């Protein structure tokens, strides 16, 4: 299993029209036929960030499904042009599962993860697997998901959990090789 983290930046005035488009047009077209939506969330601020995670069997499965979706007329002629007008920027990363309950429940959708925090940990070269294992060890119930970036950065760990889950352990994480950590509180996204 692999996961794709998609993060879109939206101007505040474009956020609700985009969310309506995603919910009412985009998801009915794609459903889970072109990758399974694990969850979607927003981060409010000066701009709105729309974060969603998709599950695929492999990178090859992702490539095949993305290619097939691109050939769906309603997707390419209806959804994409309207979406592109509203999204300021996008960032994608491919993630490998390393722990947490999402890993143990492949194929599940987790809309109830409102109020969670997405932690990003930049690690010293080559230390991400051991740090992810240390985070996961004995604490899987605290974390909804733990992933190691495949690309663009294989030295980054993403942890979806409660507000205190990772920051409370920063001293220990520093000793393991974490060189930078950030945390963002996320709210429920537009699709349930």
Protein backbone atom coordinates (compact mmCIF):
# COMPACT_ATOMS: atom_id res chain seq x y z
CA UNK A 1 0.00 0.00 0.00
CA UNK A 2 1.11 3.55 -0.69
CA UNK A 3 -0.56 6.83 0.19
CA UNK A 4 -0.60 10.16 -1.57
CA UNK A 5 -0.83 13.34 0.46
CA UNK A 6 -2.32 16.21 -1.56
CA UNK A 7 -2.29 19.73 -0.17
CA UNK A 8 -3.99 22.56 -2.02
CA UNK A 9 -3.73 26.23 -1.08
CA UNK A 10 -6.89 28.27 -1.63
CA UNK A 11 -7.63 31.95 -1.20
CA UNK A 12 -10.30 32.30 1.48
CA UNK A 13 -12.95 33.48 -1.02
CA UNK A 14 -12.28 30.43 -3.24
CA UNK A 15 -12.38 27.83 -0.47
CA UNK A 16 -16.12 27.21 -0.15
CA UNK A 17 -16.76 27.22 -3.93
CA UNK A 18 -13.91 24.73 -4.33
CA UNK A 19 -15.21 22.52 -1.50
CA UNK A 20 -18.69 22.52 -3.05
CA UNK A 21 -17.15 21.56 -6.40
CA UNK A 22 -15.06 18.79 -4.81
CA UNK A 23 -18.03 17.37 -2.90
CA UNK A 24 -20.75 17.78 -5.56
CA UNK A 25 -18.82 17.23 -8.80
CA UNK A 26 -15.33 15.79 -8.19
CA UNK A 27 -16.13 12.99 -5.76
CA UNK A 28 -19.23 11.75 -7.63
CA UNK A 29 -17.07 11.45 -10.77
CA UNK A 30 -14.12 9.70 -9.19
CA UNK A 31 -15.56 8.06 -6.07
CA UNK A 32 -13.06 5.47 -4.91
CA UNK A 33 -12.62 4.00 -8.40
CA UNK A 34 -9.45 6.02 -9.03
CA UNK A 35 -7.81 5.73 -5.61
CA UNK A 36 -9.45 5.44 -2.21
CA UNK A 37 -10.00 8.62 -0.20
CA UNK A 38 -8.71 7.97 3.32
CA UNK A 39 -9.67 11.38 4.69
CA UNK A 40 -9.76 15.08 3.94
CA UNK A 41 -9.20 18.06 6.17
CA UNK A 42 -8.74 21.80 6.13
CA UNK A 43 -6.27 24.11 7.83
CA UNK A 44 -7.64 27.62 8.28
CA UNK A 45 -5.45 30.70 8.27
CA UNK A 46 -4.58 33.57 5.98
CA UNK A 47 -5.09 30.99 3.22
CA UNK A 48 -7.07 27.78 3.47
CA UNK A 49 -5.16 24.54 3.05
CA UNK A 50 -7.10 21.53 1.83
CA UNK A 51 -5.31 18.32 2.79
CA UNK A 52 -6.43 14.91 1.58
CA UNK A 53 -4.88 11.46 1.66
CA UNK A 54 -5.50 8.82 -1.02
CA UNK A 55 -4.67 5.12 -0.84
CA UNK A 56 -3.32 3.02 -3.73
CA UNK A 57 -2.09 -0.57 -3.95
CA UNK A 58 1.25 0.58 -5.44
CA UNK A 59 2.88 3.35 -7.47
CA UNK A 60 1.91 1.43 -10.61
CA UNK A 61 -1.72 1.24 -9.43
CA UNK A 62 -1.63 5.00 -8.78
CA UNK A 63 -0.24 5.72 -12.24
CA UNK A 64 -2.86 3.53 -13.92
CA UNK A 65 -5.75 5.02 -11.95
CA UNK A 66 -4.60 8.61 -12.46
CA UNK A 67 -4.26 7.94 -16.19
CA UNK A 68 -7.73 6.38 -16.38
CA UNK A 69 -9.24 9.30 -14.45
CA UNK A 70 -7.67 11.74 -16.89
CA UNK A 71 -9.61 10.04 -19.68
CA UNK A 72 -12.98 10.55 -17.98
CA UNK A 73 -14.62 13.34 -19.94
CA UNK A 74 -16.59 14.78 -17.00
CA UNK A 75 -13.38 14.94 -14.95
CA UNK A 76 -11.19 16.60 -17.56
CA UNK A 77 -13.80 18.93 -19.06
CA UNK A 78 -16.02 19.74 -16.09
CA UNK A 79 -14.21 19.30 -12.79
CA UNK A 80 -10.56 20.15 -13.59
CA UNK A 81 -11.10 23.53 -15.32
CA UNK A 82 -13.33 24.73 -12.47
CA UNK A 83 -10.95 23.39 -9.81
CA UNK A 84 -7.90 24.97 -11.44
CA UNK A 85 -9.55 28.40 -11.29
CA UNK A 86 -9.86 28.12 -7.51
CA UNK A 87 -6.61 26.44 -6.39
CA UNK A 88 -3.61 28.76 -5.91
CA UNK A 89 -1.01 26.00 -5.52
CA UNK A 90 -0.72 22.31 -4.85
CA UNK A 91 1.84 20.05 -3.23
CA UNK A 92 1.94 16.25 -3.52
CA UNK A 93 3.98 13.67 -1.70
CA UNK A 94 3.97 9.90 -1.84
CA UNK A 95 3.97 8.23 1.55
CA UNK A 96 4.79 4.73 2.75
CA UNK A 97 2.79 3.50 5.75
CA UNK A 98 4.85 3.05 8.91
CA UNK A 99 2.22 2.68 11.65
CA UNK A 100 -1.02 3.84 13.18
CA UNK A 101 -4.56 2.61 12.78
CA UNK A 102 -4.99 3.71 9.14
CA UNK A 103 -2.26 1.23 8.24
CA UNK A 104 -4.07 -1.54 10.10
CA UNK A 105 -7.38 -0.75 8.38
CA UNK A 106 -6.53 -0.46 4.67
CA UNK A 107 -9.43 0.66 2.51
CA UNK A 108 -11.18 2.49 5.35
CA UNK A 109 -12.37 6.09 5.15
CA UNK A 110 -11.74 8.23 8.24
CA UNK A 111 -14.00 11.28 8.10
CA UNK A 112 -14.20 11.51 11.88
CA UNK A 113 -10.63 12.70 12.33
CA UNK A 114 -11.70 16.30 13.00
CA UNK A 115 -9.50 18.26 15.38
CA UNK A 116 -6.44 16.11 14.75
CA UNK A 117 -2.95 17.43 14.18
CA UNK A 118 -0.74 16.64 11.21
CA UNK A 119 2.87 16.59 12.37
CA UNK A 120 5.76 16.75 9.92
CA UNK A 121 9.19 15.68 11.12
CA UNK A 122 12.30 16.33 9.01
CA UNK A 123 14.98 13.81 9.89
CA UNK A 124 18.68 13.43 9.40
CA UNK A 125 19.56 11.44 6.30
CA UNK A 126 18.72 7.76 6.71
CA UNK A 127 17.06 8.02 10.13
CA UNK A 128 13.36 8.24 9.14
CA UNK A 129 12.62 4.47 9.38
CA UNK A 130 14.07 4.13 12.89
CA UNK A 131 12.37 7.33 14.07
CA UNK A 132 8.99 6.21 12.66
CA UNK A 133 9.43 2.85 14.41
CA UNK A 134 10.24 4.58 17.69
CA UNK A 135 7.15 6.78 17.38
CA UNK A 136 4.94 3.80 16.58
CA UNK A 137 6.36 1.42 19.18
CA UNK A 138 3.84 0.84 21.92
CA UNK A 139 1.77 3.89 20.93
CA UNK A 140 -0.19 2.88 17.80
CA UNK A 141 -3.49 3.63 19.52
CA UNK A 142 -2.46 7.31 19.84
CA UNK A 143 -1.75 7.72 16.14
CA UNK A 144 -4.17 7.56 13.28
CA UNK A 145 -1.35 7.31 10.75
CA UNK A 146 2.42 7.34 10.53
CA UNK A 147 4.02 7.61 7.09
CA UNK A 148 7.51 8.04 5.71
CA UNK A 149 7.83 10.20 2.63
CA UNK A 150 8.86 8.34 -0.50
CA UNK A 151 9.24 11.49 -2.56
CA UNK A 152 9.88 14.33 -2.83
CA UNK A 153 11.65 13.87 0.53
CA UNK A 154 12.43 10.41 1.95
CA UNK A 155 13.68 11.99 5.18
CA UNK A 156 10.29 13.27 6.29
CA UNK A 157 7.79 11.54 8.55
CA UNK A 158 4.13 12.53 8.69
CA UNK A 159 2.14 11.68 11.80
CA UNK A 160 -1.61 12.17 12.11
CA UNK A 161 -2.63 12.15 15.74
CA UNK A 162 -3.89 14.12 18.69
CA UNK A 163 -2.53 17.54 19.58
CA UNK A 164 0.00 16.34 22.13
CA UNK A 165 1.11 13.11 20.45
CA UNK A 166 4.45 14.07 18.89
CA UNK A 167 5.44 17.48 20.34
CA UNK A 168 5.48 16.06 23.87
CA UNK A 169 8.29 13.77 22.78
CA UNK A 170 10.53 16.33 21.05
CA UNK A 171 13.45 15.86 23.42
CA UNK A 172 13.52 12.15 22.67
CA UNK A 173 13.01 12.77 18.95
CA UNK A 174 15.94 15.22 18.86
CA UNK A 175 18.15 12.44 20.21
CA UNK A 176 16.90 10.10 17.45
CA UNK A 177 17.69 12.53 14.64
CA UNK A 178 14.72 14.85 14.07
CA UNK A 179 16.09 18.19 12.89
CA UNK A 180 12.82 20.07 12.37
CA UNK A 181 9.21 19.49 13.44
CA UNK A 182 6.02 21.33 12.60
CA UNK A 183 2.43 20.70 13.58
CA UNK A 184 -0.83 21.88 12.04
CA UNK A 185 -4.27 21.43 13.53
CA UNK A 186 -6.72 20.16 10.92
CA UNK A 187 -10.51 20.37 10.74
CA UNK A 188 -12.97 18.10 8.97
CA UNK A 189 -12.93 18.57 5.20
CA UNK A 190 -15.82 18.95 2.77
CA UNK A 191 -16.36 15.25 1.98
CA UNK A 192 -17.79 12.75 4.45
